PDB file of all heavy atoms in Angstrom:
ATOM      1  N   ASN A   1       0.814  -1.216   0.000  1.00  0.00           N
ATOM      2  CA  ASN A   1       0.000   0.000   0.000  1.00  0.00           C
ATOM      3  C   ASN A   1       0.848   1.267   0.000  1.00  0.00           C
ATOM      4  O   ASN A   1       0.327   2.356   0.210  1.00  0.00           O
ATOM      5  CB  ASN A   1      -0.969  -0.011   1.182  1.00  0.00           C
ATOM      6  CG  ASN A   1      -2.229  -0.778   0.857  1.00  0.00           C
ATOM      7  OD1 ASN A   1      -3.022  -0.325   0.036  1.00  0.00           O
ATOM      8  ND2 ASN A   1      -2.413  -1.937   1.459  1.00  0.00           N
ATOM      9  N   GLY A   2       2.147   1.130  -0.241  1.00  0.00           N
ATOM     10  CA  GLY A   2       3.005   2.298  -0.414  1.00  0.00           C
ATOM     11  C   GLY A   2       3.726   2.790   0.826  1.00  0.00           C
ATOM     12  O   GLY A   2       4.459   3.772   0.764  1.00  0.00           O
ATOM     13  N   PHE A   3       3.532   2.121   1.966  1.00  0.00           N
ATOM     14  CA  PHE A   3       4.224   2.540   3.184  1.00  0.00           C
ATOM     15  C   PHE A   3       5.722   2.289   3.051  1.00  0.00           C
ATOM     16  O   PHE A   3       6.143   1.317   2.419  1.00  0.00           O
ATOM     17  CB  PHE A   3       3.703   1.765   4.404  1.00  0.00           C
ATOM     18  CG  PHE A   3       2.375   2.242   4.916  1.00  0.00           C
ATOM     19  CD1 PHE A   3       1.200   1.845   4.298  1.00  0.00           C
ATOM     20  CD2 PHE A   3       2.300   3.086   6.021  1.00  0.00           C
ATOM     21  CE1 PHE A   3      -0.036   2.265   4.766  1.00  0.00           C
ATOM     22  CE2 PHE A   3       1.068   3.509   6.497  1.00  0.00           C
ATOM     23  CZ  PHE A   3      -0.100   3.104   5.860  1.00  0.00           C
ATOM     24  N   GLU A   4       6.491   3.144   3.691  1.00  0.00           N
ATOM     25  CA  GLU A   4       7.943   3.012   3.709  1.00  0.00           C
ATOM     26  C   GLU A   4       8.402   2.672   5.128  1.00  0.00           C
ATOM     27  O   GLU A   4       8.000   3.339   6.091  1.00  0.00           O
ATOM     28  CB  GLU A   4       8.577   4.338   3.266  1.00  0.00           C
ATOM     29  CG  GLU A   4      10.081   4.318   3.217  1.00  0.00           C
ATOM     30  CD  GLU A   4      10.652   5.656   2.764  1.00  0.00           C
ATOM     31  OE1 GLU A   4       9.952   6.428   2.079  1.00  0.00           O
ATOM     32  OE2 GLU A   4      11.810   5.930   3.135  1.00  0.00           O
ATOM     33  N   PHE A   5       9.230   1.630   5.234  1.00  0.00           N
ATOM     34  CA  PHE A   5       9.793   1.267   6.533  1.00  0.00           C
ATOM     35  C   PHE A   5      10.711   2.391   6.986  1.00  0.00           C
ATOM     36  O   PHE A   5      11.555   2.865   6.232  1.00  0.00           O
ATOM     37  CB  PHE A   5      10.574  -0.049   6.443  1.00  0.00           C
ATOM     38  CG  PHE A   5      11.287  -0.395   7.723  1.00  0.00           C
ATOM     39  CD1 PHE A   5      10.596  -0.899   8.807  1.00  0.00           C
ATOM     40  CD2 PHE A   5      12.653  -0.176   7.847  1.00  0.00           C
ATOM     41  CE1 PHE A   5      11.246  -1.194   9.994  1.00  0.00           C
ATOM     42  CE2 PHE A   5      13.316  -0.476   9.030  1.00  0.00           C
ATOM     43  CZ  PHE A   5      12.611  -0.992  10.100  1.00  0.00           C
ATOM     44  N   LYS A   6      10.569   2.816   8.233  1.00  0.00           N
ATOM     45  CA  LYS A   6      11.391   3.899   8.779  1.00  0.00           C
ATOM     46  C   LYS A   6      12.392   3.386   9.803  1.00  0.00           C
ATOM     47  O   LYS A   6      13.574   3.709   9.735  1.00  0.00           O
ATOM     48  CB  LYS A   6      10.508   4.984   9.417  1.00  0.00           C
ATOM     49  CG  LYS A   6       9.675   5.746   8.429  1.00  0.00           C
ATOM     50  CD  LYS A   6      10.569   6.510   7.469  1.00  0.00           C
ATOM     51  CE  LYS A   6       9.785   7.409   6.550  1.00  0.00           C
ATOM     52  NZ  LYS A   6      10.638   8.188   5.668  1.00  0.00           N
ATOM     53  N   ASN A   7      11.915   2.642  10.803  1.00  0.00           N
ATOM     54  CA  ASN A   7      12.808   2.179  11.862  1.00  0.00           C
ATOM     55  C   ASN A   7      12.066   1.208  12.767  1.00  0.00           C
ATOM     56  O   ASN A   7      10.892   0.931  12.566  1.00  0.00           O
ATOM     57  CB  ASN A   7      13.355   3.362  12.671  1.00  0.00           C
ATOM     58  CG  ASN A   7      12.254   4.212  13.292  1.00  0.00           C
ATOM     59  OD1 ASN A   7      11.076   4.017  13.065  1.00  0.00           O
ATOM     60  ND2 ASN A   7      12.642   5.175  14.090  1.00  0.00           N
ATOM     61  N   ARG A   8      12.771   0.730  13.757  1.00  0.00           N
ATOM     62  CA  ARG A   8      12.135  -0.081  14.799  1.00  0.00           C
ATOM     63  C   ARG A   8      11.959   0.805  16.020  1.00  0.00           C
ATOM     64  O   ARG A   8      12.836   1.609  16.344  1.00  0.00           O
ATOM     65  CB  ARG A   8      12.986  -1.300  15.137  1.00  0.00           C
ATOM     66  CG  ARG A   8      12.960  -2.316  14.008  1.00  0.00           C
ATOM     67  CD  ARG A   8      13.634  -3.590  14.409  1.00  0.00           C
ATOM     68  NE  ARG A   8      13.549  -4.546  13.315  1.00  0.00           N
ATOM     69  CZ  ARG A   8      13.421  -5.838  13.475  1.00  0.00           C
ATOM     70  NH1 ARG A   8      13.376  -6.363  14.679  1.00  0.00           N
ATOM     71  NH2 ARG A   8      13.355  -6.643  12.439  1.00  0.00           N
ATOM     72  N   VAL A   9      10.811   0.671  16.653  1.00  0.00           N
ATOM     73  CA  VAL A   9      10.514   1.460  17.845  1.00  0.00           C
ATOM     74  C   VAL A   9      10.106   0.507  18.957  1.00  0.00           C
ATOM     75  O   VAL A   9       9.631  -0.600  18.706  1.00  0.00           O
ATOM     76  CB  VAL A   9       9.380   2.491  17.581  1.00  0.00           C
ATOM     77  CG1 VAL A   9       9.797   3.511  16.549  1.00  0.00           C
ATOM     78  CG2 VAL A   9       8.088   1.813  17.168  1.00  0.00           C
ATOM     79  N   THR A  10      10.304   0.942  20.184  1.00  0.00           N
ATOM     80  CA  THR A  10       9.869   0.159  21.331  1.00  0.00           C
ATOM     81  C   THR A  10       8.730   0.907  21.998  1.00  0.00           C
ATOM     82  O   THR A  10       8.865   2.081  22.356  1.00  0.00           O
ATOM     83  CB  THR A  10      11.027  -0.064  22.325  1.00  0.00           C
ATOM     84  OG1 THR A  10      12.081  -0.743  21.644  1.00  0.00           O
ATOM     85  CG2 THR A  10      10.573  -0.908  23.506  1.00  0.00           C
ATOM     86  N   ILE A  11       7.608   0.219  22.121  1.00  0.00           N
ATOM     87  CA  ILE A  11       6.442   0.782  22.793  1.00  0.00           C
ATOM     88  C   ILE A  11       6.069  -0.195  23.891  1.00  0.00           C
ATOM     89  O   ILE A  11       5.807  -1.367  23.625  1.00  0.00           O
ATOM     90  CB  ILE A  11       5.281   1.001  21.810  1.00  0.00           C
ATOM     91  CG1 ILE A  11       5.720   2.008  20.743  1.00  0.00           C
ATOM     92  CG2 ILE A  11       4.033   1.476  22.542  1.00  0.00           C
ATOM     93  CD1 ILE A  11       4.700   2.271  19.677  1.00  0.00           C
ATOM     94  N   GLY A  12       6.060   0.316  25.127  1.00  0.00           N
ATOM     95  CA  GLY A  12       5.900  -0.587  26.264  1.00  0.00           C
ATOM     96  C   GLY A  12       7.114  -1.503  26.282  1.00  0.00           C
ATOM     97  O   GLY A  12       8.244  -1.039  26.257  1.00  0.00           O
ATOM     98  N   ASN A  13       6.886  -2.777  26.267  1.00  0.00           N
ATOM     99  CA  ASN A  13       8.012  -3.717  26.223  1.00  0.00           C
ATOM    100  C   ASN A  13       8.065  -4.453  24.883  1.00  0.00           C
ATOM    101  O   ASN A  13       8.711  -5.490  24.784  1.00  0.00           O
ATOM    102  CB  ASN A  13       7.909  -4.725  27.377  1.00  0.00           C
ATOM    103  CG  ASN A  13       6.635  -5.558  27.292  1.00  0.00           C
ATOM    104  OD1 ASN A  13       5.745  -5.261  26.515  1.00  0.00           O
ATOM    105  ND2 ASN A  13       6.562  -6.601  28.096  1.00  0.00           N
ATOM    106  N   ARG A  14       7.390  -3.923  23.846  1.00  0.00           N
ATOM    107  CA  ARG A  14       7.332  -4.581  22.542  1.00  0.00           C
ATOM    108  C   ARG A  14       8.100  -3.782  21.506  1.00  0.00           C
ATOM    109  O   ARG A  14       7.924  -2.566  21.381  1.00  0.00           O
ATOM    110  CB  ARG A  14       5.881  -4.710  22.056  1.00  0.00           C
ATOM    111  CG  ARG A  14       4.876  -5.341  22.979  1.00  0.00           C
ATOM    112  CD  ARG A  14       4.943  -6.828  23.169  1.00  0.00           C
ATOM    113  NE  ARG A  14       4.751  -7.708  22.071  1.00  0.00           N
ATOM    114  CZ  ARG A  14       3.615  -8.335  21.771  1.00  0.00           C
ATOM    115  NH1 ARG A  14       2.531  -8.117  22.475  1.00  0.00           N
ATOM    116  NH2 ARG A  14       3.569  -9.170  20.768  1.00  0.00           N
ATOM    117  N   GLU A  15       8.925  -4.476  20.754  1.00  0.00           N
ATOM    118  CA  GLU A  15       9.585  -3.849  19.626  1.00  0.00           C
ATOM    119  C   GLU A  15       8.672  -3.958  18.410  1.00  0.00           C
ATOM    120  O   GLU A  15       8.101  -5.017  18.143  1.00  0.00           O
ATOM    121  CB  GLU A  15      10.921  -4.529  19.326  1.00  0.00           C
ATOM    122  CG  GLU A  15      11.660  -3.857  18.186  1.00  0.00           C
ATOM    123  CD  GLU A  15      12.974  -4.526  17.857  1.00  0.00           C
ATOM    124  OE1 GLU A  15      12.957  -5.726  17.518  1.00  0.00           O
ATOM    125  OE2 GLU A  15      13.996  -3.841  17.937  1.00  0.00           O
ATOM    126  N   LEU A  16       8.529  -2.853  17.678  1.00  0.00           N
ATOM    127  CA  LEU A  16       7.659  -2.813  16.507  1.00  0.00           C
ATOM    128  C   LEU A  16       8.411  -2.225  15.319  1.00  0.00           C
ATOM    129  O   LEU A  16       9.260  -1.336  15.485  1.00  0.00           O
ATOM    130  CB  LEU A  16       6.424  -1.957  16.787  1.00  0.00           C
ATOM    131  CG  LEU A  16       5.542  -2.382  17.952  1.00  0.00           C
ATOM    132  CD1 LEU A  16       4.523  -1.303  18.272  1.00  0.00           C
ATOM    133  CD2 LEU A  16       4.850  -3.691  17.636  1.00  0.00           C
ATOM    134  N   CYS A  17       8.096  -2.703  14.129  1.00  0.00           N
ATOM    135  CA  CYS A  17       8.601  -2.115  12.896  1.00  0.00           C
ATOM    136  C   CYS A  17       7.664  -0.962  12.524  1.00  0.00           C
ATOM    137  O   CYS A  17       6.451  -1.143  12.458  1.00  0.00           O
ATOM    138  CB  CYS A  17       8.635  -3.163  11.786  1.00  0.00           C
ATOM    139  SG  CYS A  17       9.727  -4.549  12.138  1.00  0.00           S
ATOM    140  N   HIS A  18       8.227   0.208  12.300  1.00  0.00           N
ATOM    141  CA  HIS A  18       7.456   1.442  12.091  1.00  0.00           C
ATOM    142  C   HIS A  18       7.527   1.856  10.620  1.00  0.00           C
ATOM    143  O   HIS A  18       8.615   1.998  10.057  1.00  0.00           O
ATOM    144  CB  HIS A  18       8.031   2.552  12.984  1.00  0.00           C
ATOM    145  CG  HIS A  18       7.400   3.880  12.796  1.00  0.00           C
ATOM    146  ND1 HIS A  18       6.273   4.258  13.480  1.00  0.00           N
ATOM    147  CD2 HIS A  18       7.728   4.922  11.990  1.00  0.00           C
ATOM    148  CE1 HIS A  18       5.946   5.497  13.122  1.00  0.00           C
ATOM    149  NE2 HIS A  18       6.807   5.904  12.218  1.00  0.00           N
ATOM    150  N   TYR A  19       6.347   2.064  10.019  1.00  0.00           N
ATOM    151  CA  TYR A  19       6.234   2.479   8.627  1.00  0.00           C
ATOM    152  C   TYR A  19       5.454   3.788   8.554  1.00  0.00           C
ATOM    153  O   TYR A  19       4.652   4.085   9.434  1.00  0.00           O
ATOM    154  CB  TYR A  19       5.448   1.436   7.823  1.00  0.00           C
ATOM    155  CG  TYR A  19       6.126   0.104   7.670  1.00  0.00           C
ATOM    156  CD1 TYR A  19       6.228  -0.779   8.741  1.00  0.00           C
ATOM    157  CD2 TYR A  19       6.645  -0.297   6.440  1.00  0.00           C
ATOM    158  CE1 TYR A  19       6.832  -2.013   8.594  1.00  0.00           C
ATOM    159  CE2 TYR A  19       7.254  -1.540   6.287  1.00  0.00           C
ATOM    160  CZ  TYR A  19       7.343  -2.387   7.366  1.00  0.00           C
ATOM    161  OH  TYR A  19       7.945  -3.608   7.212  1.00  0.00           O
ATOM    162  N   GLU A  20       5.669   4.523   7.470  1.00  0.00           N
ATOM    163  CA  GLU A  20       4.945   5.769   7.260  1.00  0.00           C
ATOM    164  C   GLU A  20       4.519   5.889   5.804  1.00  0.00           C
ATOM    165  O   GLU A  20       5.217   5.417   4.899  1.00  0.00           O
ATOM    166  CB  GLU A  20       5.811   6.981   7.621  1.00  0.00           C
ATOM    167  CG  GLU A  20       6.149   7.044   9.094  1.00  0.00           C
ATOM    168  CD  GLU A  20       6.961   8.278   9.469  1.00  0.00           C
ATOM    169  OE1 GLU A  20       7.325   9.090   8.571  1.00  0.00           O
ATOM    170  OE2 GLU A  20       7.227   8.432  10.672  1.00  0.00           O
ATOM    171  N   LEU A  21       3.379   6.534   5.603  1.00  0.00           N
ATOM    172  CA  LEU A  21       2.891   6.854   4.266  1.00  0.00           C
ATOM    173  C   LEU A  21       2.408   8.297   4.285  1.00  0.00           C
ATOM    174  O   LEU A  21       1.471   8.631   5.011  1.00  0.00           O
ATOM    175  CB  LEU A  21       1.756   5.914   3.850  1.00  0.00           C
ATOM    176  CG  LEU A  21       1.121   6.161   2.473  1.00  0.00           C
ATOM    177  CD1 LEU A  21       2.147   6.062   1.346  1.00  0.00           C
ATOM    178  CD2 LEU A  21      -0.037   5.193   2.250  1.00  0.00           C
ATOM    179  N   LYS A  22       3.062   9.142   3.501  1.00  0.00           N
ATOM    180  CA  LYS A  22       2.646  10.538   3.369  1.00  0.00           C
ATOM    181  C   LYS A  22       1.621  10.651   2.247  1.00  0.00           C
ATOM    182  O   LYS A  22       1.701   9.947   1.245  1.00  0.00           O
ATOM    183  CB  LYS A  22       3.852  11.421   3.046  1.00  0.00           C
ATOM    184  CG  LYS A  22       4.872  11.482   4.147  1.00  0.00           C
ATOM    185  CD  LYS A  22       6.074  12.307   3.720  1.00  0.00           C
ATOM    186  CE  LYS A  22       7.137  12.244   4.803  1.00  0.00           C
ATOM    187  NZ  LYS A  22       8.407  12.783   4.315  1.00  0.00           N
ATOM    188  N   ARG A  23       0.681  11.557   2.434  1.00  0.00           N
ATOM    189  CA  ARG A  23      -0.351  11.773   1.415  1.00  0.00           C
ATOM    190  C   ARG A  23       0.290  12.057   0.053  1.00  0.00           C
ATOM    191  O   ARG A  23      -0.128  11.497  -0.960  1.00  0.00           O
ATOM    192  CB  ARG A  23      -1.271  12.931   1.789  1.00  0.00           C
ATOM    193  CG  ARG A  23      -2.322  13.204   0.707  1.00  0.00           C
ATOM    194  CD  ARG A  23      -2.871  14.618   0.768  1.00  0.00           C
ATOM    195  NE  ARG A  23      -3.590  14.903   1.967  1.00  0.00           N
ATOM    196  CZ  ARG A  23      -4.918  14.982   2.050  1.00  0.00           C
ATOM    197  NH1 ARG A  23      -5.655  14.755   0.993  1.00  0.00           N
ATOM    198  NH2 ARG A  23      -5.501  15.281   3.172  1.00  0.00           N
ATOM    199  N   SER A  24       1.306  12.901   0.016  1.00  0.00           N
ATOM    200  CA  SER A  24       1.936  13.268  -1.255  1.00  0.00           C
ATOM    201  C   SER A  24       2.550  12.043  -1.941  1.00  0.00           C
ATOM    202  O   SER A  24       2.457  11.902  -3.162  1.00  0.00           O
ATOM    203  CB  SER A  24       2.982  14.360  -1.052  1.00  0.00           C
ATOM    204  OG  SER A  24       3.974  13.926  -0.128  1.00  0.00           O
ATOM    205  N   ASP A  25       3.166  11.155  -1.189  1.00  0.00           N
ATOM    206  CA  ASP A  25       3.739   9.938  -1.770  1.00  0.00           C
ATOM    207  C   ASP A  25       2.635   9.008  -2.258  1.00  0.00           C
ATOM    208  O   ASP A  25       2.755   8.385  -3.316  1.00  0.00           O
ATOM    209  CB  ASP A  25       4.622   9.205  -0.750  1.00  0.00           C
ATOM    210  CG  ASP A  25       5.867  10.000  -0.382  1.00  0.00           C
ATOM    211  OD1 ASP A  25       6.275  10.883  -1.168  1.00  0.00           O
ATOM    212  OD2 ASP A  25       6.423   9.730   0.701  1.00  0.00           O
ATOM    213  N   TRP A  26       1.565   8.916  -1.491  1.00  0.00           N
ATOM    214  CA  TRP A  26       0.431   8.061  -1.869  1.00  0.00           C
ATOM    215  C   TRP A  26      -0.219   8.568  -3.154  1.00  0.00           C
ATOM    216  O   TRP A  26      -0.527   7.784  -4.049  1.00  0.00           O
ATOM    217  CB  TRP A  26      -0.564   8.027  -0.709  1.00  0.00           C
ATOM    218  CG  TRP A  26      -1.834   7.313  -0.991  1.00  0.00           C
ATOM    219  CD1 TRP A  26      -2.040   5.955  -1.022  1.00  0.00           C
ATOM    220  CD2 TRP A  26      -3.094   7.905  -1.270  1.00  0.00           C
ATOM    221  NE1 TRP A  26      -3.354   5.676  -1.302  1.00  0.00           N
ATOM    222  CE2 TRP A  26      -4.016   6.857  -1.453  1.00  0.00           C
ATOM    223  CE3 TRP A  26      -3.541   9.219  -1.374  1.00  0.00           C
ATOM    224  CZ2 TRP A  26      -5.352   7.082  -1.746  1.00  0.00           C
ATOM    225  CZ3 TRP A  26      -4.880   9.448  -1.656  1.00  0.00           C
ATOM    226  CH2 TRP A  26      -5.759   8.394  -1.837  1.00  0.00           C
ATOM    227  N   GLN A  27      -0.397   9.894  -3.249  1.00  0.00           N
ATOM    228  CA  GLN A  27      -1.027  10.464  -4.439  1.00  0.00           C
ATOM    229  C   GLN A  27      -0.178  10.240  -5.691  1.00  0.00           C
ATOM    230  O   GLN A  27      -0.704  10.033  -6.776  1.00  0.00           O
ATOM    231  CB  GLN A  27      -1.256  11.967  -4.255  1.00  0.00           C
ATOM    232  CG  GLN A  27      -2.365  12.283  -3.283  1.00  0.00           C
ATOM    233  CD  GLN A  27      -2.473  13.757  -2.963  1.00  0.00           C
ATOM    234  OE1 GLN A  27      -1.467  14.467  -2.886  1.00  0.00           O
ATOM    235  NE2 GLN A  27      -3.700  14.219  -2.765  1.00  0.00           N
ATOM    236  N   ALA A  28       1.142  10.230  -5.508  1.00  0.00           N
ATOM    237  CA  ALA A  28       2.054  10.085  -6.642  1.00  0.00           C
ATOM    238  C   ALA A  28       2.297   8.624  -7.035  1.00  0.00           C
ATOM    239  O   ALA A  28       2.862   8.367  -8.096  1.00  0.00           O
ATOM    240  CB  ALA A  28       3.385  10.754  -6.305  1.00  0.00           C
TER     241      ALA A  28
END
């Protein structure tokens, strides 16, 4: 769906893979 992997983050005691999708990138 066009998301880009950014980094791994820790929330609570869980490590998560963090992705982002900007409207401008999605539109393009």
